[in-house]
Amino acid sequence: MAHITLPDGLPGIRGPMAFRPETARPLNELVDVLLWGPHTLTRGERELIAAAVSAANDCEYCQTIHGAIAAHHLGGDEALVDYVKSDHEDAPISDKLRALITIARKTALGGLHVTADDVARARTHGATDLEIHDTVLIAAVFCLCNRYVDGLATWTPRNPEFYRQRAAMIAERGYVAATIPAPAAATP
């Protein structure tokens, strides 16, 4: 049970966002830019970064929903997502993504844990300043979201199919659009 009264039936971050929609919109807009908008990293790669940070922070809802979105973008490869969340250094991903996830997970521990060597490693594998910047910002935003969800003890569904369905909607529409109800079908 959540620590405060949240709207019924809205899991994870969706309950607090419905509780305070004026704070939800800028958060969703930022996440939309970072994870869904145009970028040199694929949507799947950016979602893997979010899922890895959320796993490091032990946020069940966020690691599961963003893992499902990553899997959706990666052709349904849930095993790869689980591998990255548990051991990104040995997961079958690019060296660049591996280095960026290291930066993201260290950012989750605390920004001062990221070293010049971590950044140099990412650059050696082709990471751009934009990709390094956005990796750190994704990690910082997901630390905020993870603590928002868990600090209010929001509801976390246990059914994987819930996450797959929600992931498909977010993957298709983005974060801002997915929080706005789809228009009702017109009646003739």
N, C-alpha and C. Protein backbone atom coordinates (compact mmCIF):
# COMPACT_ATOMS: atom_id res chain seq x y z
N MET A 1 0.84 -1.18 0.00
CA MET A 1 0.00 0.00 0.00
C MET A 1 0.89 1.24 0.00
N ALA A 2 0.53 2.19 -0.85
CA ALA A 2 1.31 3.42 -0.97
C ALA A 2 1.26 4.20 0.34
N HIS A 3 2.30 4.98 0.55
CA HIS A 3 2.40 5.79 1.77
C HIS A 3 1.42 6.95 1.79
N ILE A 4 0.94 7.38 0.62
CA ILE A 4 -0.08 8.43 0.54
C ILE A 4 -1.21 7.90 -0.33
N THR A 5 -2.33 8.56 -0.32
CA THR A 5 -3.45 8.14 -1.14
C THR A 5 -3.21 8.57 -2.59
N LEU A 6 -3.05 7.56 -3.45
CA LEU A 6 -2.82 7.79 -4.87
C LEU A 6 -4.02 7.27 -5.65
N PRO A 7 -4.21 7.75 -6.87
CA PRO A 7 -5.32 7.25 -7.68
C PRO A 7 -5.25 5.73 -7.83
N ASP A 8 -6.39 5.07 -7.74
CA ASP A 8 -6.45 3.61 -7.85
C ASP A 8 -6.06 3.13 -9.24
N GLY A 9 -5.43 1.97 -9.27
CA GLY A 9 -5.18 1.28 -10.51
C GLY A 9 -4.02 1.80 -11.35
N LEU A 10 -3.26 2.75 -10.83
CA LEU A 10 -2.12 3.30 -11.59
C LEU A 10 -0.83 2.86 -10.93
N PRO A 11 -0.10 1.95 -11.56
CA PRO A 11 1.11 1.41 -10.94
C PRO A 11 2.33 2.32 -11.07
N GLY A 12 3.33 2.00 -10.26
CA GLY A 12 4.62 2.66 -10.35
C GLY A 12 4.52 4.17 -10.34
N ILE A 13 5.22 4.79 -11.25
CA ILE A 13 5.30 6.25 -11.30
C ILE A 13 3.99 6.89 -11.78
N ARG A 14 3.14 6.10 -12.41
CA ARG A 14 1.90 6.66 -12.94
C ARG A 14 0.97 7.16 -11.84
N GLY A 15 0.95 6.50 -10.69
CA GLY A 15 0.11 6.95 -9.56
C GLY A 15 0.53 8.33 -9.06
N PRO A 16 1.80 8.52 -8.70
CA PRO A 16 2.23 9.85 -8.26
C PRO A 16 2.09 10.92 -9.34
N MET A 17 2.28 10.52 -10.59
CA MET A 17 2.13 11.51 -11.67
C MET A 17 0.68 11.96 -11.81
N ALA A 18 -0.25 11.03 -11.63
CA ALA A 18 -1.67 11.41 -11.68
C ALA A 18 -2.04 12.24 -10.45
N PHE A 19 -1.39 11.96 -9.33
CA PHE A 19 -1.63 12.72 -8.10
C PHE A 19 -1.21 14.19 -8.27
N ARG A 20 -0.11 14.40 -8.99
CA ARG A 20 0.43 15.76 -9.17
C ARG A 20 0.81 15.98 -10.63
N PRO A 21 -0.20 16.12 -11.51
CA PRO A 21 0.06 16.20 -12.95
C PRO A 21 0.93 17.38 -13.36
N GLU A 22 0.93 18.44 -12.59
CA GLU A 22 1.75 19.60 -12.97
C GLU A 22 3.25 19.29 -12.86
N THR A 23 3.61 18.30 -12.07
CA THR A 23 5.02 17.87 -12.04
C THR A 23 5.26 16.73 -13.02
N ALA A 24 4.22 16.02 -13.38
CA ALA A 24 4.35 14.87 -14.29
C ALA A 24 4.76 15.32 -15.69
N ARG A 25 4.15 16.37 -16.19
CA ARG A 25 4.41 16.78 -17.58
C ARG A 25 5.89 17.09 -17.80
N PRO A 26 6.56 17.92 -16.98
CA PRO A 26 7.97 18.18 -17.28
C PRO A 26 8.85 16.93 -17.12
N LEU A 27 8.51 16.05 -16.18
CA LEU A 27 9.28 14.80 -16.07
C LEU A 27 9.12 13.95 -17.32
N ASN A 28 7.87 13.81 -17.78
CA ASN A 28 7.63 13.02 -18.99
C ASN A 28 8.27 13.66 -20.21
N GLU A 29 8.27 14.97 -20.29
CA GLU A 29 8.90 15.65 -21.43
C GLU A 29 10.40 15.39 -21.43
N LEU A 30 11.03 15.44 -20.26
CA LEU A 30 12.46 15.18 -20.18
C LEU A 30 12.77 13.73 -20.56
N VAL A 31 12.00 12.80 -20.03
CA VAL A 31 12.22 11.39 -20.35
C VAL A 31 11.96 11.15 -21.84
N ASP A 32 10.97 11.83 -22.41
CA ASP A 32 10.70 11.72 -23.84
C ASP A 32 11.93 12.14 -24.65
N VAL A 33 12.53 13.26 -24.29
CA VAL A 33 13.72 13.73 -25.00
C VAL A 33 14.86 12.73 -24.85
N LEU A 34 15.07 12.25 -23.64
CA LEU A 34 16.21 11.37 -23.37
C LEU A 34 16.06 9.97 -23.95
N LEU A 35 14.86 9.40 -23.87
CA LEU A 35 14.71 7.99 -24.23
C LEU A 35 13.98 7.74 -25.55
N TRP A 36 13.15 8.67 -25.98
CA TRP A 36 12.30 8.39 -27.12
C TRP A 36 12.63 9.25 -28.34
N GLY A 37 13.12 10.45 -28.12
CA GLY A 37 13.38 11.37 -29.23
C GLY A 37 14.57 10.95 -30.08
N PRO A 38 14.83 11.72 -31.13
CA PRO A 38 15.96 11.42 -32.02
C PRO A 38 17.29 11.44 -31.24
N HIS A 39 18.17 10.52 -31.59
CA HIS A 39 19.44 10.42 -30.87
C HIS A 39 20.39 9.54 -31.65
N THR A 40 21.67 9.63 -31.33
CA THR A 40 22.66 8.75 -31.93
C THR A 40 22.65 7.36 -31.29
N LEU A 41 22.18 7.26 -30.06
CA LEU A 41 21.96 5.95 -29.44
C LEU A 41 20.54 5.51 -29.80
N THR A 42 20.36 4.23 -30.02
CA THR A 42 19.02 3.75 -30.35
C THR A 42 18.11 3.85 -29.13
N ARG A 43 16.82 3.79 -29.35
CA ARG A 43 15.87 3.78 -28.23
C ARG A 43 16.13 2.57 -27.34
N GLY A 44 16.43 1.44 -27.94
CA GLY A 44 16.72 0.24 -27.15
C GLY A 44 17.94 0.42 -26.26
N GLU A 45 18.99 1.05 -26.79
CA GLU A 45 20.19 1.29 -25.99
C GLU A 45 19.90 2.24 -24.83
N ARG A 46 19.16 3.30 -25.10
CA ARG A 46 18.85 4.26 -24.03
C ARG A 46 17.95 3.63 -22.98
N GLU A 47 17.01 2.79 -23.39
CA GLU A 47 16.16 2.10 -22.42
C GLU A 47 16.96 1.10 -21.59
N LEU A 48 17.96 0.47 -22.23
CA LEU A 48 18.84 -0.44 -21.46
C LEU A 48 19.59 0.33 -20.38
N ILE A 49 20.02 1.54 -20.68
CA ILE A 49 20.70 2.37 -19.68
C ILE A 49 19.74 2.65 -18.52
N ALA A 50 18.51 3.04 -18.84
CA ALA A 50 17.51 3.32 -17.79
C ALA A 50 17.21 2.07 -16.97
N ALA A 51 17.08 0.94 -17.63
CA ALA A 51 16.78 -0.32 -16.91
C ALA A 51 17.95 -0.73 -16.03
N ALA A 52 19.18 -0.55 -16.53
CA ALA A 52 20.37 -0.93 -15.74
C ALA A 52 20.50 -0.05 -14.49
N VAL A 53 20.25 1.25 -14.63
CA VAL A 53 20.29 2.14 -13.47
C VAL A 53 19.20 1.77 -12.47
N SER A 54 18.00 1.51 -12.97
CA SER A 54 16.89 1.15 -12.10
C SER A 54 17.15 -0.18 -11.38
N ALA A 55 17.80 -1.11 -12.07
CA ALA A 55 18.18 -2.38 -11.43
C ALA A 55 19.22 -2.13 -10.35
N ALA A 56 20.20 -1.27 -10.65
CA ALA A 56 21.23 -0.94 -9.65
C ALA A 56 20.59 -0.29 -8.42
N ASN A 57 19.53 0.47 -8.64
CA ASN A 57 18.83 1.12 -7.53
C ASN A 57 17.76 0.23 -6.91
N ASP A 58 17.64 -0.99 -7.41
CA ASP A 58 16.69 -1.98 -6.89
C ASP A 58 15.25 -1.50 -6.96
N CYS A 59 14.92 -0.74 -8.01
CA CYS A 59 13.55 -0.27 -8.21
C CYS A 59 12.85 -1.25 -9.15
N GLU A 60 12.04 -2.11 -8.58
CA GLU A 60 11.40 -3.19 -9.32
C GLU A 60 10.52 -2.66 -10.46
N TYR A 61 9.68 -1.66 -10.17
CA TYR A 61 8.79 -1.15 -11.21
C TYR A 61 9.58 -0.57 -12.38
N CYS A 62 10.51 0.34 -12.11
CA CYS A 62 11.23 1.03 -13.18
C CYS A 62 12.12 0.08 -13.97
N GLN A 63 12.81 -0.84 -13.30
CA GLN A 63 13.66 -1.75 -14.06
C GLN A 63 12.82 -2.70 -14.91
N THR A 64 11.61 -3.02 -14.45
CA THR A 64 10.77 -3.94 -15.22
C THR A 64 10.12 -3.24 -16.40
N ILE A 65 9.57 -2.04 -16.20
CA ILE A 65 8.92 -1.35 -17.32
C ILE A 65 9.96 -0.91 -18.35
N HIS A 66 11.08 -0.37 -17.92
CA HIS A 66 12.08 0.08 -18.89
C HIS A 66 12.80 -1.11 -19.52
N GLY A 67 12.91 -2.20 -18.79
CA GLY A 67 13.42 -3.42 -19.39
C GLY A 67 12.48 -3.94 -20.47
N ALA A 68 11.18 -3.86 -20.22
CA ALA A 68 10.20 -4.29 -21.22
C ALA A 68 10.21 -3.39 -22.45
N ILE A 69 10.39 -2.09 -22.23
CA ILE A 69 10.47 -1.16 -23.36
C ILE A 69 11.75 -1.43 -24.16
N ALA A 70 12.86 -1.65 -23.45
CA ALA A 70 14.11 -1.98 -24.14
C ALA A 70 13.93 -3.25 -24.96
N ALA A 71 13.35 -4.29 -24.36
CA ALA A 71 13.14 -5.55 -25.07
C ALA A 71 12.25 -5.33 -26.30
N HIS A 72 11.23 -4.51 -26.16
CA HIS A 72 10.35 -4.22 -27.30
C HIS A 72 11.17 -3.63 -28.45
N HIS A 73 12.02 -2.67 -28.14
CA HIS A 73 12.86 -2.05 -29.17
C HIS A 73 13.92 -3.00 -29.71
N LEU A 74 14.26 -4.02 -28.95
CA LEU A 74 15.31 -4.96 -29.34
C LEU A 74 14.72 -6.27 -29.87
N GLY A 75 13.55 -6.18 -30.44
CA GLY A 75 12.94 -7.36 -31.05
C GLY A 75 12.43 -8.39 -30.06
N GLY A 76 12.11 -7.96 -28.83
CA GLY A 76 11.56 -8.87 -27.83
C GLY A 76 12.61 -9.63 -27.03
N ASP A 77 13.87 -9.22 -27.10
CA ASP A 77 14.95 -9.95 -26.44
C ASP A 77 15.01 -9.66 -24.93
N GLU A 78 14.10 -10.28 -24.19
CA GLU A 78 14.04 -10.10 -22.74
C GLU A 78 15.26 -10.70 -22.05
N ALA A 79 15.81 -11.77 -22.61
CA ALA A 79 17.00 -12.40 -22.01
C ALA A 79 18.19 -11.44 -22.03
N LEU A 80 18.36 -10.71 -23.13
CA LEU A 80 19.45 -9.73 -23.20
C LEU A 80 19.25 -8.65 -22.14
N VAL A 81 18.04 -8.17 -21.98
CA VAL A 81 17.77 -7.13 -20.98
C VAL A 81 18.12 -7.64 -19.60
N ASP A 82 17.70 -8.87 -19.27
CA ASP A 82 18.01 -9.44 -17.96
C ASP A 82 19.52 -9.58 -17.77
N TYR A 83 20.22 -9.98 -18.82
CA TYR A 83 21.67 -10.12 -18.77
C TYR A 83 22.33 -8.77 -18.48
N VAL A 84 21.90 -7.74 -19.21
CA VAL A 84 22.47 -6.40 -19.01
C VAL A 84 22.21 -5.91 -17.59
N LYS A 85 21.01 -6.13 -17.08
CA LYS A 85 20.67 -5.66 -15.73
C LYS A 85 21.51 -6.37 -14.67
N SER A 86 21.85 -7.63 -14.90
CA SER A 86 22.58 -8.37 -13.87
C SER A 86 24.10 -8.32 -14.05
N ASP A 87 24.58 -8.21 -15.30
CA ASP A 87 26.03 -8.25 -15.55
C ASP A 87 26.35 -7.60 -16.89
N HIS A 88 26.26 -6.29 -16.95
CA HIS A 88 26.46 -5.60 -18.23
C HIS A 88 27.87 -5.77 -18.79
N GLU A 89 28.84 -6.02 -17.93
CA GLU A 89 30.23 -6.16 -18.42
C GLU A 89 30.41 -7.41 -19.27
N ASP A 90 29.63 -8.45 -19.03
CA ASP A 90 29.75 -9.68 -19.83
C ASP A 90 28.61 -9.86 -20.82
N ALA A 91 27.63 -8.97 -20.81
CA ALA A 91 26.48 -9.09 -21.71
C ALA A 91 26.92 -8.87 -23.16
N PRO A 92 26.23 -9.50 -24.10
CA PRO A 92 26.57 -9.35 -25.52
C PRO A 92 26.04 -8.04 -26.10
N ILE A 93 26.68 -6.94 -25.68
CA ILE A 93 26.35 -5.60 -26.17
C ILE A 93 27.64 -4.97 -26.68
N SER A 94 27.51 -3.85 -27.36
CA SER A 94 28.70 -3.18 -27.89
C SER A 94 29.60 -2.69 -26.76
N ASP A 95 30.88 -2.56 -27.06
CA ASP A 95 31.81 -2.02 -26.07
C ASP A 95 31.42 -0.60 -25.67
N LYS A 96 30.91 0.16 -26.64
CA LYS A 96 30.49 1.53 -26.33
C LYS A 96 29.34 1.52 -25.32
N LEU A 97 28.32 0.70 -25.57
CA LEU A 97 27.18 0.65 -24.64
C LEU A 97 27.62 0.13 -23.28
N ARG A 98 28.51 -0.84 -23.27
CA ARG A 98 29.04 -1.37 -22.00
C ARG A 98 29.71 -0.25 -21.20
N ALA A 99 30.52 0.56 -21.87
CA ALA A 99 31.21 1.66 -21.19
C ALA A 99 30.22 2.72 -20.72
N LEU A 100 29.20 3.00 -21.52
CA LEU A 100 28.18 3.98 -21.11
C LEU A 100 27.37 3.47 -19.91
N ILE A 101 27.04 2.20 -19.90
CA ILE A 101 26.30 1.66 -18.75
C ILE A 101 27.16 1.69 -17.50
N THR A 102 28.45 1.48 -17.64
CA THR A 102 29.34 1.63 -16.48
C THR A 102 29.25 3.06 -15.94
N ILE A 103 29.30 4.04 -16.82
CA ILE A 103 29.17 5.44 -16.39
C ILE A 103 27.82 5.66 -15.72
N ALA A 104 26.75 5.12 -16.30
CA ALA A 104 25.42 5.30 -15.73
C ALA A 104 25.31 4.68 -14.35
N ARG A 105 25.81 3.47 -14.20
CA ARG A 105 25.71 2.80 -12.88
C ARG A 105 26.57 3.52 -11.83
N LYS A 106 27.71 4.03 -12.25
CA LYS A 106 28.53 4.80 -11.30
C LYS A 106 27.85 6.12 -10.95
N THR A 107 27.18 6.74 -11.91
CA THR A 107 26.41 7.96 -11.62
C THR A 107 25.33 7.65 -10.59
N ALA A 108 24.70 6.49 -10.70
CA ALA A 108 23.67 6.09 -9.74
C ALA A 108 24.24 5.96 -8.33
N LEU A 109 25.48 5.52 -8.22
CA LEU A 109 26.13 5.44 -6.90
C LEU A 109 26.38 6.83 -6.33
N GLY A 110 26.71 7.74 -7.21
CA GLY A 110 27.03 9.13 -6.85
C GLY A 110 27.91 9.67 -7.96
N GLY A 111 27.63 10.88 -8.41
CA GLY A 111 28.32 11.44 -9.55
C GLY A 111 29.84 11.41 -9.45
N LEU A 112 30.37 11.53 -8.25
CA LEU A 112 31.83 11.55 -8.09
C LEU A 112 32.46 10.18 -8.32
N HIS A 113 31.65 9.14 -8.47
CA HIS A 113 32.18 7.81 -8.76
C HIS A 113 32.61 7.67 -10.22
N VAL A 114 32.09 8.53 -11.09
CA VAL A 114 32.48 8.51 -12.50
C VAL A 114 33.88 9.11 -12.60
N THR A 115 34.78 8.38 -13.25
CA THR A 115 36.16 8.84 -13.35
C THR A 115 36.51 9.27 -14.78
N ALA A 116 37.61 9.96 -14.90
CA ALA A 116 38.12 10.34 -16.22
C ALA A 116 38.42 9.08 -17.04
N ASP A 117 38.86 8.02 -16.38
CA ASP A 117 39.13 6.76 -17.09
C ASP A 117 37.84 6.16 -17.65
N ASP A 118 36.73 6.27 -16.90
CA ASP A 118 35.45 5.76 -17.39
C ASP A 118 35.04 6.49 -18.67
N VAL A 119 35.21 7.80 -18.65
CA VAL A 119 34.84 8.63 -19.81
C VAL A 119 35.80 8.33 -20.98
N ALA A 120 37.09 8.18 -20.69
CA ALA A 120 38.06 7.86 -21.74
C ALA A 120 37.74 6.51 -22.37
N ARG A 121 37.36 5.54 -21.55
CA ARG A 121 36.97 4.22 -22.07
C ARG A 121 35.78 4.35 -23.03
N ALA A 122 34.78 5.13 -22.64
CA ALA A 122 33.62 5.33 -23.51
C ALA A 122 34.03 5.99 -24.82
N ARG A 123 34.88 7.00 -24.72
CA ARG A 123 35.34 7.70 -25.93
C ARG A 123 36.15 6.77 -26.84
N THR A 124 36.99 5.93 -26.23
CA THR A 124 37.79 4.97 -27.00
C THR A 124 36.88 4.07 -27.84
N HIS A 125 35.70 3.79 -27.33
CA HIS A 125 34.76 2.92 -28.04
C HIS A 125 33.75 3.70 -28.88
N GLY A 126 34.04 5.00 -29.08
CA GLY A 126 33.24 5.77 -30.02
C GLY A 126 32.14 6.64 -29.42
N ALA A 127 32.03 6.70 -28.10
CA ALA A 127 30.98 7.53 -27.49
C ALA A 127 31.28 9.01 -27.71
N THR A 128 30.26 9.74 -28.05
CA THR A 128 30.39 11.18 -28.26
C THR A 128 30.11 11.92 -26.94
N ASP A 129 30.43 13.21 -26.93
CA ASP A 129 30.13 14.02 -25.76
C ASP A 129 28.62 14.02 -25.48
N LEU A 130 27.80 14.08 -26.53
CA LEU A 130 26.34 14.04 -26.34
C LEU A 130 25.91 12.73 -25.69
N GLU A 131 26.46 11.63 -26.15
CA GLU A 131 26.09 10.32 -25.60
C GLU A 131 26.54 10.19 -24.14
N ILE A 132 27.70 10.70 -23.82
CA ILE A 132 28.18 10.66 -22.43
C ILE A 132 27.31 11.57 -21.57
N HIS A 133 27.05 12.78 -22.05
CA HIS A 133 26.18 13.72 -21.32
C HIS A 133 24.81 13.09 -21.05
N ASP A 134 24.19 12.56 -22.11
CA ASP A 134 22.84 12.03 -21.95
C ASP A 134 22.81 10.77 -21.10
N THR A 135 23.88 9.98 -21.13
CA THR A 135 23.96 8.81 -20.24
C THR A 135 23.93 9.25 -18.79
N VAL A 136 24.72 10.26 -18.46
CA VAL A 136 24.74 10.76 -17.08
C VAL A 136 23.37 11.34 -16.72
N LEU A 137 22.76 12.08 -17.64
CA LEU A 137 21.45 12.66 -17.35
C LEU A 137 20.37 11.59 -17.23
N ILE A 138 20.41 10.55 -18.07
CA ILE A 138 19.47 9.43 -17.93
C ILE A 138 19.63 8.81 -16.55
N ALA A 139 20.86 8.57 -16.15
CA ALA A 139 21.10 7.97 -14.83
C ALA A 139 20.57 8.87 -13.72
N ALA A 140 20.83 10.16 -13.81
CA ALA A 140 20.36 11.08 -12.77
C ALA A 140 18.84 11.13 -12.72
N VAL A 141 18.21 11.20 -13.88
CA VAL A 141 16.74 11.25 -13.93
C VAL A 141 16.16 9.95 -13.37
N PHE A 142 16.77 8.82 -13.70
CA PHE A 142 16.22 7.57 -13.20
C PHE A 142 16.48 7.36 -11.72
N CYS A 143 17.54 7.93 -11.19
CA CYS A 143 17.69 7.92 -9.73
C CYS A 143 16.51 8.67 -9.09
N LEU A 144 16.17 9.81 -9.66
CA LEU A 144 15.02 10.58 -9.18
C LEU A 144 13.74 9.75 -9.29
N CYS A 145 13.49 9.19 -10.46
CA CYS A 145 12.26 8.41 -10.68
C CYS A 145 12.21 7.18 -9.78
N ASN A 146 13.33 6.49 -9.63
CA ASN A 146 13.37 5.30 -8.78
C ASN A 146 13.01 5.64 -7.34
N ARG A 147 13.54 6.75 -6.85
CA ARG A 147 13.26 7.16 -5.48
C ARG A 147 11.83 7.68 -5.32
N TYR A 148 11.31 8.30 -6.36
CA TYR A 148 9.92 8.77 -6.39
C TYR A 148 8.97 7.59 -6.26
N VAL A 149 9.20 6.56 -7.05
CA VAL A 149 8.36 5.37 -7.05
C VAL A 149 8.47 4.62 -5.72
N ASP A 150 9.69 4.34 -5.30
CA ASP A 150 9.88 3.53 -4.09
C ASP A 150 9.67 4.32 -2.81
N GLY A 151 9.98 5.62 -2.84
CA GLY A 151 9.78 6.45 -1.66
C GLY A 151 8.32 6.61 -1.28
N LEU A 152 7.43 6.46 -2.26
CA LEU A 152 5.99 6.51 -1.98
C LEU A 152 5.37 5.12 -1.90
N ALA A 153 6.19 4.09 -2.05
CA ALA A 153 5.74 2.69 -1.98
C ALA A 153 4.58 2.44 -2.94
N THR A 154 4.79 2.82 -4.20
CA THR A 154 3.73 2.66 -5.19
C THR A 154 3.51 1.19 -5.53
N TRP A 155 2.39 0.92 -6.15
CA TRP A 155 2.00 -0.43 -6.54
C TRP A 155 2.85 -0.90 -7.71
N THR A 156 3.38 -2.12 -7.61
CA THR A 156 4.18 -2.72 -8.67
C THR A 156 3.51 -4.01 -9.12
N PRO A 157 2.92 -4.02 -10.31
CA PRO A 157 2.30 -5.25 -10.81
C PRO A 157 3.33 -6.37 -10.94
N ARG A 158 2.88 -7.59 -10.80
CA ARG A 158 3.78 -8.75 -10.90
C ARG A 158 3.65 -9.46 -12.24
N ASN A 159 2.64 -9.14 -13.04
CA ASN A 159 2.39 -9.83 -14.29
C ASN A 159 3.26 -9.25 -15.41
N PRO A 160 4.18 -10.05 -15.96
CA PRO A 160 5.05 -9.54 -17.03
C PRO A 160 4.27 -9.04 -18.25
N GLU A 161 3.10 -9.60 -18.49
CA GLU A 161 2.31 -9.18 -19.65
C GLU A 161 1.85 -7.73 -19.51
N PHE A 162 1.60 -7.27 -18.28
CA PHE A 162 1.26 -5.87 -18.06
C PHE A 162 2.36 -4.97 -18.62
N TYR A 163 3.60 -5.31 -18.30
CA TYR A 163 4.75 -4.50 -18.74
C TYR A 163 4.94 -4.56 -20.25
N ARG A 164 4.74 -5.74 -20.84
CA ARG A 164 4.88 -5.86 -22.29
C ARG A 164 3.86 -4.99 -23.01
N GLN A 165 2.63 -4.99 -22.54
CA GLN A 165 1.58 -4.18 -23.18
C GLN A 165 1.87 -2.69 -23.02
N ARG A 166 2.24 -2.28 -21.83
CA ARG A 166 2.55 -0.86 -21.60
C ARG A 166 3.78 -0.45 -22.41
N ALA A 167 4.77 -1.35 -22.49
CA ALA A 167 5.99 -1.07 -23.25
C ALA A 167 5.67 -0.82 -24.72
N ALA A 168 4.78 -1.61 -25.29
CA ALA A 168 4.41 -1.43 -26.69
C ALA A 168 3.79 -0.06 -26.91
N MET A 169 2.95 0.38 -25.98
CA MET A 169 2.31 1.69 -26.12
C MET A 169 3.35 2.81 -26.03
N ILE A 170 4.23 2.74 -25.06
CA ILE A 170 5.25 3.78 -24.90
C ILE A 170 6.21 3.77 -26.09
N ALA A 171 6.60 2.59 -26.54
CA ALA A 171 7.52 2.49 -27.67
C ALA A 171 6.92 3.13 -28.92
N GLU A 172 5.62 3.00 -29.09
CA GLU A 172 4.95 3.55 -30.27
C GLU A 172 4.65 5.04 -30.14
N ARG A 173 4.26 5.49 -28.94
CA ARG A 173 3.75 6.85 -28.78
C ARG A 173 4.68 7.80 -28.05
N GLY A 174 5.66 7.29 -27.32
CA GLY A 174 6.51 8.13 -26.50
C GLY A 174 5.91 8.30 -25.11
N TYR A 175 6.65 8.97 -24.25
CA TYR A 175 6.23 9.08 -22.84
C TYR A 175 5.12 10.09 -22.62
N VAL A 176 5.21 11.25 -23.22
CA VAL A 176 4.19 12.26 -23.02
C VAL A 176 2.87 11.76 -23.59
N ALA A 177 2.89 11.30 -24.82
CA ALA A 177 1.66 10.84 -25.48
C ALA A 177 1.06 9.63 -24.79
N ALA A 178 1.90 8.74 -24.24
CA ALA A 178 1.39 7.52 -23.60
C ALA A 178 0.69 7.85 -22.27
N THR A 179 0.94 9.01 -21.71
CA THR A 179 0.27 9.36 -20.45
C THR A 179 -1.05 10.07 -20.70
N ILE A 180 -1.27 10.47 -21.95
CA ILE A 180 -2.54 11.12 -22.31
C ILE A 180 -3.45 10.03 -22.87
N PRO A 181 -4.64 9.88 -22.32
CA PRO A 181 -5.53 8.84 -22.83
C PRO A 181 -5.77 9.00 -24.33
N ALA A 182 -5.83 7.86 -25.02
CA ALA A 182 -6.13 7.88 -26.45
C ALA A 182 -7.56 8.38 -26.64
N PRO A 183 -7.82 9.11 -27.72
CA PRO A 183 -9.17 9.60 -27.94
C PRO A 183 -10.16 8.46 -28.07
N ALA A 184 -11.34 8.66 -27.53
CA ALA A 184 -12.39 7.64 -27.63
C ALA A 184 -12.86 7.55 -29.08
N ALA A 185 -13.22 6.35 -29.47
CA ALA A 185 -13.72 6.18 -30.83
C ALA A 185 -15.04 6.92 -30.99
N ALA A 186 -15.19 7.57 -32.10
CA ALA A 186 -16.44 8.31 -32.35
C ALA A 186 -17.58 7.33 -32.61
N THR A 187 -18.73 7.65 -32.08
CA THR A 187 -19.91 6.80 -32.32
C THR A 187 -20.69 7.38 -33.49
N PRO A 188 -21.03 6.50 -34.43
CA PRO A 188 -21.77 7.02 -35.59
C PRO A 188 -23.15 7.49 -35.24
